[in-house]
């Protein structure tokens, strides 16, 4: 079930391109593992939040990269 959810999550990030779909799918695997280990949805939410904040601070989002180019 985690794999199906991961693929769907990746496809939801289609606007970012193929690489972004792949990275989102991998990230969702970790969110699913966090949920599986703890049994709490909050673990997935916090994992997602931390990854988004880290990405926002250290990298550019694909939309910003295409707007600047």
Foldseek 3Di string as FASTA:
>chain_A
DLQVVLQVQLVVVPVLPDVSSVVSSVLSSVLVVLCVVPVDNVSSVVSVVVVVVVCVVPHDGSVVVVVVD
